[in-house]
Each structure stands twice: as C-alpha cells, then as structure tokens.
Amino acid sequence: DRYPLINNEKPEMKKIRFRTLGCYPLTAGVESDAITLEQVVAEVMAVKLSERATRLIDGDKEDSMEKKKKEGYF
C-alpha cells in the first residue's frame, strides 16, 4: 500500500530498476531486463535520456530542485 492506485488502475508485474536504491517515490522506475551490473551499465550507456529525467520531484518546474535546496528541503 505504499503507492495508492488511482481510479481503475490495476497493478502489473514488470521488471524495473530505480536510479539509486531508496529512490521511490522520488524517481519513477525504469523498465529493464538487466540483471547484472554490467547489463545495467550497458543499458544506461545506450539510452539517450538522462536517468535524472525520471525524478518525480522535478515534475513541477524546471528549477524545482534549486528551489527546494533554497527552501531547506535537503
């Protein structure tokens, strides 16, 4: 129950990984079949999108991380 479902959403089983351990709910999971460290590194190097693009905390504004730093969030 860590993540409440909205309306008629149903949970699905998928293989995902997070940018760093403990990132949920700050970042979204990325679908991945990588099992080993080498596979994760190869996957990250092949993707054109930054892993930081999945940071949900930045969803409100482009400068939201800077704003949060100034407000003492960190």
N, C-alpha and C. Protein backbone atom coordinates (compact mmCIF):
# COMPACT_ATOMS: atom_id res chain seq x y z
N ASP A 1 0.81 -1.21 0.00
CA ASP A 1 0.00 0.00 0.00
C ASP A 1 0.85 1.26 0.00
N ARG A 2 2.10 1.15 -0.38
CA ARG A 2 2.97 2.33 -0.42
C ARG A 2 2.58 3.28 -1.54
N TYR A 3 1.98 2.74 -2.57
CA TYR A 3 1.63 3.55 -3.73
C TYR A 3 0.15 3.39 -4.01
N PRO A 4 -0.67 4.39 -3.67
CA PRO A 4 -2.11 4.26 -3.87
C PRO A 4 -2.47 4.27 -5.36
N LEU A 5 -3.37 3.38 -5.73
CA LEU A 5 -3.83 3.32 -7.12
C LEU A 5 -4.90 4.37 -7.34
N ILE A 6 -4.96 4.87 -8.56
CA ILE A 6 -5.92 5.90 -8.92
C ILE A 6 -7.00 5.29 -9.80
N ASN A 7 -8.26 5.65 -9.53
CA ASN A 7 -9.41 5.20 -10.32
C ASN A 7 -9.40 3.70 -10.55
N ASN A 8 -9.38 3.28 -11.81
CA ASN A 8 -9.45 1.85 -12.15
C ASN A 8 -8.08 1.24 -12.43
N GLU A 9 -7.02 1.84 -11.91
CA GLU A 9 -5.68 1.29 -12.13
C GLU A 9 -5.57 -0.10 -11.52
N LYS A 10 -4.82 -0.95 -12.20
CA LYS A 10 -4.56 -2.29 -11.69
C LYS A 10 -3.05 -2.50 -11.70
N PRO A 11 -2.51 -3.10 -10.65
CA PRO A 11 -1.06 -3.35 -10.61
C PRO A 11 -0.65 -4.35 -11.68
N GLU A 12 0.54 -4.14 -12.24
CA GLU A 12 1.12 -5.06 -13.22
C GLU A 12 2.49 -5.48 -12.73
N MET A 13 2.85 -6.72 -13.00
CA MET A 13 4.18 -7.21 -12.66
C MET A 13 5.11 -6.88 -13.83
N LYS A 14 6.15 -6.09 -13.57
CA LYS A 14 7.13 -5.73 -14.59
C LYS A 14 8.51 -5.75 -13.95
N LYS A 15 9.51 -5.95 -14.79
CA LYS A 15 10.89 -5.85 -14.32
C LYS A 15 11.31 -4.40 -14.44
N ILE A 16 11.62 -3.78 -13.32
CA ILE A 16 12.05 -2.39 -13.33
C ILE A 16 13.27 -2.21 -12.43
N ARG A 17 13.93 -1.08 -12.60
CA ARG A 17 15.02 -0.70 -11.71
C ARG A 17 14.88 0.78 -11.44
N PHE A 18 15.51 1.21 -10.36
CA PHE A 18 15.49 2.61 -9.99
C PHE A 18 16.89 3.18 -10.14
N ARG A 19 16.98 4.49 -10.30
CA ARG A 19 18.26 5.16 -10.48
C ARG A 19 19.20 4.87 -9.34
N THR A 20 18.71 4.93 -8.13
CA THR A 20 19.51 4.58 -6.95
C THR A 20 18.62 3.86 -5.95
N LEU A 21 19.24 3.15 -5.04
CA LEU A 21 18.45 2.46 -4.01
C LEU A 21 17.73 3.48 -3.15
N GLY A 22 16.52 3.16 -2.80
CA GLY A 22 15.75 4.04 -1.93
C GLY A 22 15.16 5.24 -2.62
N CYS A 23 15.16 5.27 -3.93
CA CYS A 23 14.67 6.44 -4.66
C CYS A 23 13.15 6.58 -4.65
N TYR A 24 12.42 5.47 -4.55
CA TYR A 24 10.96 5.58 -4.56
C TYR A 24 10.53 6.36 -3.33
N PRO A 25 9.65 7.29 -3.39
CA PRO A 25 8.85 7.73 -4.53
C PRO A 25 9.42 8.96 -5.24
N LEU A 26 10.70 9.24 -5.06
CA LEU A 26 11.28 10.43 -5.70
C LEU A 26 11.56 10.24 -7.18
N THR A 27 11.80 9.01 -7.60
CA THR A 27 12.01 8.76 -9.03
C THR A 27 11.09 7.65 -9.50
N ALA A 28 10.80 7.68 -10.77
CA ALA A 28 9.98 6.63 -11.37
C ALA A 28 10.87 5.45 -11.72
N GLY A 29 10.32 4.27 -11.68
CA GLY A 29 11.06 3.09 -12.10
C GLY A 29 11.24 3.08 -13.61
N VAL A 30 12.32 2.45 -14.05
CA VAL A 30 12.61 2.32 -15.48
C VAL A 30 12.52 0.85 -15.83
N GLU A 31 11.72 0.52 -16.86
CA GLU A 31 11.63 -0.88 -17.26
C GLU A 31 13.00 -1.36 -17.70
N SER A 32 13.37 -2.56 -17.24
CA SER A 32 14.71 -3.07 -17.51
C SER A 32 14.74 -4.59 -17.35
N ASP A 33 15.44 -5.25 -18.27
CA ASP A 33 15.68 -6.68 -18.15
C ASP A 33 17.08 -6.94 -17.61
N ALA A 34 17.82 -5.89 -17.30
CA ALA A 34 19.20 -6.04 -16.82
C ALA A 34 19.21 -6.77 -15.48
N ILE A 35 20.12 -7.72 -15.37
CA ILE A 35 20.25 -8.49 -14.13
C ILE A 35 21.60 -8.21 -13.47
N THR A 36 22.64 -8.09 -14.27
CA THR A 36 23.98 -7.88 -13.73
C THR A 36 24.35 -6.40 -13.78
N LEU A 37 25.36 -6.04 -13.03
CA LEU A 37 25.86 -4.67 -13.05
C LEU A 37 26.30 -4.28 -14.46
N GLU A 38 26.97 -5.20 -15.14
CA GLU A 38 27.44 -4.92 -16.50
C GLU A 38 26.26 -4.63 -17.43
N GLN A 39 25.17 -5.36 -17.28
CA GLN A 39 23.99 -5.13 -18.11
C GLN A 39 23.36 -3.77 -17.81
N VAL A 40 23.32 -3.40 -16.55
CA VAL A 40 22.77 -2.09 -16.18
C VAL A 40 23.62 -0.98 -16.77
N VAL A 41 24.94 -1.09 -16.65
CA VAL A 41 25.85 -0.08 -17.20
C VAL A 41 25.67 0.02 -18.71
N ALA A 42 25.60 -1.11 -19.40
CA ALA A 42 25.41 -1.11 -20.86
C ALA A 42 24.08 -0.45 -21.22
N GLU A 43 23.05 -0.73 -20.46
CA GLU A 43 21.73 -0.14 -20.70
C GLU A 43 21.77 1.38 -20.53
N VAL A 44 22.39 1.84 -19.45
CA VAL A 44 22.47 3.27 -19.18
C VAL A 44 23.27 3.98 -20.26
N MET A 45 24.34 3.36 -20.73
CA MET A 45 25.17 3.99 -21.76
C MET A 45 24.45 4.05 -23.11
N ALA A 46 23.53 3.13 -23.37
CA ALA A 46 22.84 3.07 -24.65
C ALA A 46 21.64 4.02 -24.72
N VAL A 47 21.11 4.42 -23.58
CA VAL A 47 19.92 5.26 -23.54
C VAL A 47 20.29 6.72 -23.75
N LYS A 48 19.50 7.42 -24.53
CA LYS A 48 19.77 8.83 -24.81
C LYS A 48 19.15 9.76 -23.76
N LEU A 49 18.20 9.25 -23.00
CA LEU A 49 17.52 10.03 -21.97
C LEU A 49 18.30 9.92 -20.66
N SER A 50 18.46 11.03 -19.99
CA SER A 50 19.16 11.03 -18.70
C SER A 50 18.38 10.24 -17.66
N GLU A 51 19.08 9.52 -16.82
CA GLU A 51 18.42 8.80 -15.73
C GLU A 51 17.74 9.79 -14.79
N ARG A 52 18.24 11.00 -14.72
CA ARG A 52 17.63 12.02 -13.86
C ARG A 52 16.27 12.48 -14.40
N ALA A 53 15.98 12.16 -15.65
CA ALA A 53 14.69 12.55 -16.22
C ALA A 53 13.53 11.86 -15.52
N THR A 54 13.82 10.80 -14.77
CA THR A 54 12.75 10.07 -14.07
C THR A 54 12.49 10.62 -12.68
N ARG A 55 13.16 11.70 -12.30
CA ARG A 55 12.95 12.26 -10.96
C ARG A 55 11.57 12.89 -10.88
N LEU A 56 10.69 12.29 -10.12
CA LEU A 56 9.34 12.80 -9.96
C LEU A 56 9.31 14.11 -9.19
N ILE A 57 10.30 14.31 -8.35
CA ILE A 57 10.36 15.51 -7.53
C ILE A 57 10.56 16.76 -8.40
N ASP A 58 11.06 16.59 -9.62
CA ASP A 58 11.27 17.72 -10.53
C ASP A 58 10.08 17.99 -11.43
N GLY A 59 9.01 17.27 -11.27
CA GLY A 59 7.88 17.37 -12.18
C GLY A 59 7.15 18.69 -12.18
N ASP A 60 7.30 19.48 -11.13
CA ASP A 60 6.53 20.70 -11.08
C ASP A 60 7.13 21.86 -11.88
N LYS A 61 8.46 22.03 -11.85
CA LYS A 61 9.11 23.13 -12.58
C LYS A 61 10.53 22.73 -12.94
N GLU A 62 11.08 23.43 -13.93
CA GLU A 62 12.46 23.15 -14.33
C GLU A 62 13.45 23.40 -13.21
N ASP A 63 13.20 24.44 -12.41
CA ASP A 63 14.15 24.81 -11.36
C ASP A 63 13.72 24.30 -9.98
N SER A 64 12.86 23.29 -9.95
CA SER A 64 12.30 22.87 -8.67
C SER A 64 13.36 22.36 -7.70
N MET A 65 14.40 21.66 -8.18
CA MET A 65 15.43 21.16 -7.28
C MET A 65 16.18 22.33 -6.64
N GLU A 66 16.51 23.35 -7.42
CA GLU A 66 17.19 24.52 -6.87
C GLU A 66 16.30 25.23 -5.85
N LYS A 67 15.03 25.33 -6.18
CA LYS A 67 14.08 25.98 -5.26
C LYS A 67 14.00 25.19 -3.96
N LYS A 68 13.93 23.88 -4.05
CA LYS A 68 13.85 23.04 -2.86
C LYS A 68 15.12 23.16 -2.01
N LYS A 69 16.28 23.28 -2.65
CA LYS A 69 17.53 23.47 -1.91
C LYS A 69 17.49 24.77 -1.11
N LYS A 70 17.03 25.84 -1.76
CA LYS A 70 16.96 27.15 -1.10
C LYS A 70 15.97 27.14 0.06
N GLU A 71 14.91 26.33 -0.08
CA GLU A 71 13.89 26.26 0.96
C GLU A 71 14.29 25.33 2.10
N GLY A 72 15.47 24.71 1.99
CA GLY A 72 15.94 23.83 3.05
C GLY A 72 15.43 22.41 2.97
N TYR A 73 14.92 22.01 1.82
CA TYR A 73 14.39 20.65 1.65
C TYR A 73 15.47 19.60 1.89
N PHE A 74 16.71 19.93 1.52
CA PHE A 74 17.81 18.96 1.63
C PHE A 74 18.65 19.24 2.85
